[in-house]
Protein backbone atom coordinates (compact mmCIF):
# COMPACT_ATOMS: atom_id res chain seq x y z
CA MET A 1 12.65 -6.11 20.86
CA GLU A 2 13.65 -6.88 17.47
CA LEU A 3 10.34 -6.68 15.49
CA LYS A 4 10.35 -4.39 12.31
CA LEU A 5 7.82 -3.12 10.04
CA GLY A 6 6.77 -5.92 7.74
CA ASP A 7 7.80 -8.76 9.56
CA ARG A 8 4.72 -11.41 9.80
CA LEU A 9 3.51 -13.08 12.66
CA ALA A 10 0.78 -16.51 12.60
CA ASP A 11 -1.52 -17.24 15.40
CA GLU A 12 -4.63 -20.04 15.24
CA ARG A 13 -6.63 -17.33 13.07
CA THR A 14 -4.43 -16.19 10.62
CA GLU A 15 -1.38 -14.30 9.60
CA TRP A 16 -0.22 -10.86 10.76
CA GLN A 17 2.20 -8.21 9.31
CA VAL A 18 3.50 -5.64 11.59
CA ILE A 19 2.41 -2.29 10.47
CA GLY A 20 3.65 0.17 13.45
CA ARG A 21 6.45 0.52 15.49
CA PRO A 22 6.89 -1.79 18.57
CA TYR A 23 6.79 -0.30 22.14
CA THR A 24 7.07 -1.02 25.67
CA THR A 25 5.03 -0.36 28.77
CA ALA A 26 5.34 -1.00 32.30
CA GLY A 27 8.89 -0.34 32.76
CA GLY A 28 10.18 -2.14 29.68
CA LYS A 29 8.20 -5.73 30.67
CA THR A 30 5.28 -5.79 28.27
CA ALA A 31 6.04 -5.34 24.64
CA HIS A 32 3.06 -4.16 22.18
CA VAL A 33 2.86 -3.81 18.34
CA ARG A 34 0.08 -2.76 15.87
CA VAL A 35 -0.47 -5.73 13.27
CA GLU A 36 -2.64 -6.06 10.04
CA SER A 37 -4.33 -9.29 8.82
CA VAL A 38 -2.58 -10.82 5.95
CA ASN A 39 -5.85 -12.20 4.63
CA ASN A 40 -8.28 -9.25 5.41
CA PRO A 41 -6.18 -6.04 4.92
CA GLY A 42 -7.97 -3.47 6.98
CA VAL A 43 -8.57 -5.42 9.92
CA THR A 44 -5.99 -4.65 12.74
CA GLU A 45 -5.24 -5.20 16.25
CA ILE A 46 -2.43 -4.56 18.86
CA ARG A 47 -0.65 -7.63 19.94
CA SER A 48 1.00 -7.59 23.57
CA TRP A 49 3.60 -9.94 24.76
CA GLY A 50 5.80 -10.24 27.84
CA SER A 51 8.95 -9.11 26.95
CA HIS A 52 10.73 -12.28 28.08
CA GLU A 53 8.48 -14.30 25.66
CA ARG A 54 9.74 -15.63 22.21
CA VAL A 55 7.97 -14.75 18.95
CA GLY A 56 7.94 -16.37 16.07
CA VAL A 57 8.43 -14.37 12.97
CA LYS A 58 9.11 -14.48 9.54
CA ARG A 59 11.13 -11.86 7.98
CA GLU A 60 11.78 -11.59 4.11
CA GLU A 61 15.29 -10.77 3.07
CA ARG A 62 15.59 -7.61 1.17
CA LYS A 63 18.06 -7.54 -1.67
CA GLY A 64 20.06 -4.65 -2.60
């Protein structure tokens, strides 16, 4: 899994920012990550995907 802190994900409700390190369960078959709503700070969720699923991510390039 290549999600990193600060990555942004979008779904039908809002845009989310990764605020916790990703982790897997079920022998690496399910991936989880803690996210926070960009539009409503303080609203958090734990999102889960099958480890084989692709997740669209927007990542800002860091300079320096």
